[in-house]
Amino acid sequence: MLKRAAGPADFLGIYDGERAVGAAALVVAQHSDCDRPCSNYGPSELLPELPADLRMLAVDALDQVVSNQSELAELWAEAANWSKWRQDITRLRDVLDPPIPPQEEALFEI
């Protein structure tokens, strides 16, 4: 499912998008620091270890889910709680590929 959602496509259907979010949540559940994102989308029981290469595939799939070519994103954009859904997807993604914090001090003086 992650491969289908992450791959190049003209349009990602709603069911493929929903399945991609669920599959990404399973990958996120492998992380011990997973708290809030997993409670919404993840499994209720422990899973066997998943291959590490699924992390970036899940990131790519989540990027497609929120893109302009996603039916799921299109439908959520019309919902009143669209921003909460988008935040939930972003939290899942950030567990898989944490954002780099901004540098407060310059590493080198110029």
C-alpha atoms as a PDB file:
ATOM      1  CA  MET A   1       0.000   0.000   0.000  1.00  0.00           C
ATOM      2  CA  LEU A   2       2.790   2.446   0.818  1.00  0.00           C
ATOM      3  CA  LYS A   3       4.421   1.818  -2.566  1.00  0.00           C
ATOM      4  CA  ARG A   4       1.169   2.514  -4.388  1.00  0.00           C
ATOM      5  CA  ALA A   5       0.577   5.762  -2.495  1.00  0.00           C
ATOM      6  CA  ALA A   6       4.199   6.931  -2.636  1.00  0.00           C
ATOM      7  CA  GLY A   7       4.645   6.211  -6.332  1.00  0.00           C
ATOM      8  CA  PRO A   8       4.072   8.715  -9.099  1.00  0.00           C
ATOM      9  CA  ALA A   9       0.400   8.981  -9.964  1.00  0.00           C
ATOM     10  CA  ASP A  10      -1.896  11.536 -11.476  1.00  0.00           C
ATOM     11  CA  PHE A  11      -4.373  11.142  -8.623  1.00  0.00           C
ATOM     12  CA  LEU A  12      -4.422   9.243  -5.325  1.00  0.00           C
ATOM     13  CA  GLY A  13      -7.879   7.823  -4.600  1.00  0.00           C
ATOM     14  CA  ILE A  14      -9.524   8.167  -1.209  1.00  0.00           C
ATOM     15  CA  TYR A  15      -9.252   4.487  -0.292  1.00  0.00           C
ATOM     16  CA  ASP A  16      -5.574   4.300  -1.234  1.00  0.00           C
ATOM     17  CA  GLY A  17      -4.983   7.469   0.783  1.00  0.00           C
ATOM     18  CA  GLU A  18      -6.759   6.092   3.846  1.00  0.00           C
ATOM     19  CA  ARG A  19      -4.829   2.833   3.630  1.00  0.00           C
ATOM     20  CA  ALA A  20      -1.557   4.725   3.234  1.00  0.00           C
ATOM     21  CA  VAL A  21      -2.243   6.706   6.425  1.00  0.00           C
ATOM     22  CA  GLY A  22      -3.008   3.461   8.269  1.00  0.00           C
ATOM     23  CA  ALA A  23       0.126   1.771   6.935  1.00  0.00           C
ATOM     24  CA  ALA A  24       2.252   4.796   7.858  1.00  0.00           C
ATOM     25  CA  ALA A  25       0.781   4.682  11.380  1.00  0.00           C
ATOM     26  CA  LEU A  26       1.948   1.076  11.668  1.00  0.00           C
ATOM     27  CA  VAL A  27       5.469   2.160  10.758  1.00  0.00           C
ATOM     28  CA  VAL A  28       5.254   5.033  13.273  1.00  0.00           C
ATOM     29  CA  ALA A  29       4.151   2.550  15.949  1.00  0.00           C
ATOM     30  CA  GLN A  30       7.628   0.983  15.766  1.00  0.00           C
ATOM     31  CA  HIS A  31       9.109   4.041  17.489  1.00  0.00           C
ATOM     32  CA  SER A  32       9.270   4.112  21.266  1.00  0.00           C
ATOM     33  CA  ASP A  33       8.702   7.877  21.379  1.00  0.00           C
ATOM     34  CA  CYS A  34       5.382   7.436  19.589  1.00  0.00           C
ATOM     35  CA  ASP A  35       2.561   8.741  21.751  1.00  0.00           C
ATOM     36  CA  ARG A  36      -0.284  10.851  20.409  1.00  0.00           C
ATOM     37  CA  PRO A  37       0.009  10.016  16.681  1.00  0.00           C
ATOM     38  CA  CYS A  38      -0.268   6.296  17.360  1.00  0.00           C
ATOM     39  CA  SER A  39      -3.306   6.578  19.587  1.00  0.00           C
ATOM     40  CA  ASN A  40      -5.364   7.960  16.701  1.00  0.00           C
ATOM     41  CA  TYR A  41      -4.180   5.807  13.827  1.00  0.00           C
ATOM     42  CA  GLY A  42      -1.874   3.108  15.121  1.00  0.00           C
ATOM     43  CA  PRO A  43      -2.451  -0.453  16.254  1.00  0.00           C
ATOM     44  CA  SER A  44      -3.837  -1.381  19.642  1.00  0.00           C
ATOM     45  CA  GLU A  45      -1.315  -4.236  20.017  1.00  0.00           C
ATOM     46  CA  LEU A  46       2.441  -4.525  19.488  1.00  0.00           C
ATOM     47  CA  LEU A  47       3.612  -5.425  15.997  1.00  0.00           C
ATOM     48  CA  PRO A  48       6.590  -7.460  14.831  1.00  0.00           C
ATOM     49  CA  GLU A  49       9.575  -5.408  13.676  1.00  0.00           C
ATOM     50  CA  LEU A  50       9.020  -3.832  10.255  1.00  0.00           C
ATOM     51  CA  PRO A  51      11.837  -3.212   7.737  1.00  0.00           C
ATOM     52  CA  ALA A  52      13.632   0.110   8.317  1.00  0.00           C
ATOM     53  CA  ASP A  53      13.294   1.104   4.661  1.00  0.00           C
ATOM     54  CA  LEU A  54       9.550   1.518   5.164  1.00  0.00           C
ATOM     55  CA  ARG A  55      10.139   4.782   7.054  1.00  0.00           C
ATOM     56  CA  MET A  56      10.991   6.888   4.008  1.00  0.00           C
ATOM     57  CA  LEU A  57       8.396   5.089   1.917  1.00  0.00           C
ATOM     58  CA  ALA A  58       5.800   6.038   4.553  1.00  0.00           C
ATOM     59  CA  VAL A  59       7.034   9.663   4.488  1.00  0.00           C
ATOM     60  CA  ASP A  60       6.619   9.763   0.700  1.00  0.00           C
ATOM     61  CA  ALA A  61       3.154   8.213   0.981  1.00  0.00           C
ATOM     62  CA  LEU A  62       2.039  10.774   3.588  1.00  0.00           C
ATOM     63  CA  ASP A  63       3.351  13.563   1.370  1.00  0.00           C
ATOM     64  CA  GLN A  64       1.162  12.247  -1.434  1.00  0.00           C
ATOM     65  CA  VAL A  65      -1.848  11.944   0.890  1.00  0.00           C
ATOM     66  CA  VAL A  66      -1.752  15.692   1.627  1.00  0.00           C
ATOM     67  CA  SER A  67      -0.863  16.762  -1.911  1.00  0.00           C
ATOM     68  CA  ASN A  68      -3.099  18.427  -4.492  1.00  0.00           C
ATOM     69  CA  GLN A  69      -3.389  15.062  -6.274  1.00  0.00           C
ATOM     70  CA  SER A  70      -5.095  13.370  -3.314  1.00  0.00           C
ATOM     71  CA  GLU A  71      -8.818  12.743  -3.137  1.00  0.00           C
ATOM     72  CA  LEU A  72      -8.545  12.285   0.629  1.00  0.00           C
ATOM     73  CA  ALA A  73      -6.945  15.734   1.060  1.00  0.00           C
ATOM     74  CA  GLU A  74      -9.568  17.194  -1.262  1.00  0.00           C
ATOM     75  CA  LEU A  75     -12.405  15.807   0.853  1.00  0.00           C
ATOM     76  CA  TRP A  76     -10.783  16.831   4.143  1.00  0.00           C
ATOM     77  CA  ALA A  77     -10.278  20.366   2.798  1.00  0.00           C
ATOM     78  CA  GLU A  78     -14.062  20.694   2.771  1.00  0.00           C
ATOM     79  CA  ALA A  79     -14.434  19.492   6.389  1.00  0.00           C
ATOM     80  CA  ALA A  80     -14.635  21.805   9.389  1.00  0.00           C
ATOM     81  CA  ASN A  81     -11.821  19.959  11.189  1.00  0.00           C
ATOM     82  CA  TRP A  82      -9.437  19.944   8.218  1.00  0.00           C
ATOM     83  CA  SER A  83      -6.620  21.611  10.179  1.00  0.00           C
ATOM     84  CA  LYS A  84      -6.736  18.931  12.911  1.00  0.00           C
ATOM     85  CA  TRP A  85      -6.528  16.175  10.293  1.00  0.00           C
ATOM     86  CA  ARG A  86      -3.583  17.927   8.649  1.00  0.00           C
ATOM     87  CA  GLN A  87      -1.849  18.295  12.040  1.00  0.00           C
ATOM     88  CA  ASP A  88      -2.343  14.577  12.732  1.00  0.00           C
ATOM     89  CA  ILE A  89      -0.778  13.657   9.386  1.00  0.00           C
ATOM     90  CA  THR A  90       2.098  16.071  10.059  1.00  0.00           C
ATOM     91  CA  ARG A  91       2.710  14.479  13.477  1.00  0.00           C
ATOM     92  CA  LEU A  92       2.904  11.038  11.877  1.00  0.00           C
ATOM     93  CA  ARG A  93       5.326  12.337   9.280  1.00  0.00           C
ATOM     94  CA  ASP A  94       7.480  14.132  11.852  1.00  0.00           C
ATOM     95  CA  VAL A  95       7.980  10.910  13.826  1.00  0.00           C
ATOM     96  CA  LEU A  96       9.254   9.224  10.669  1.00  0.00           C
ATOM     97  CA  ASP A  97      11.360  12.143   9.431  1.00  0.00           C
ATOM     98  CA  PRO A  98      11.878  14.669  12.247  1.00  0.00           C
ATOM     99  CA  PRO A  99      12.300  18.282  11.123  1.00  0.00           C
ATOM    100  CA  ILE A 100      15.715  19.822  11.631  1.00  0.00           C
ATOM    101  CA  PRO A 101      15.513  22.474  14.360  1.00  0.00           C
ATOM    102  CA  PRO A 102      16.682  25.953  13.365  1.00  0.00           C
ATOM    103  CA  GLN A 103      20.192  26.923  14.400  1.00  0.00           C
ATOM    104  CA  GLU A 104      20.216  29.558  17.123  1.00  0.00           C
ATOM    105  CA  GLU A 105      23.909  30.293  16.813  1.00  0.00           C
ATOM    106  CA  ALA A 106      26.119  30.383  13.774  1.00  0.00           C
ATOM    107  CA  LEU A 107      28.445  27.432  13.507  1.00  0.00           C
ATOM    108  CA  PHE A 108      31.185  29.602  12.061  1.00  0.00           C
ATOM    109  CA  GLU A 109      31.974  33.277  12.343  1.00  0.00           C
ATOM    110  CA  ILE A 110      32.303  35.076   9.060  1.00  0.00           C
END
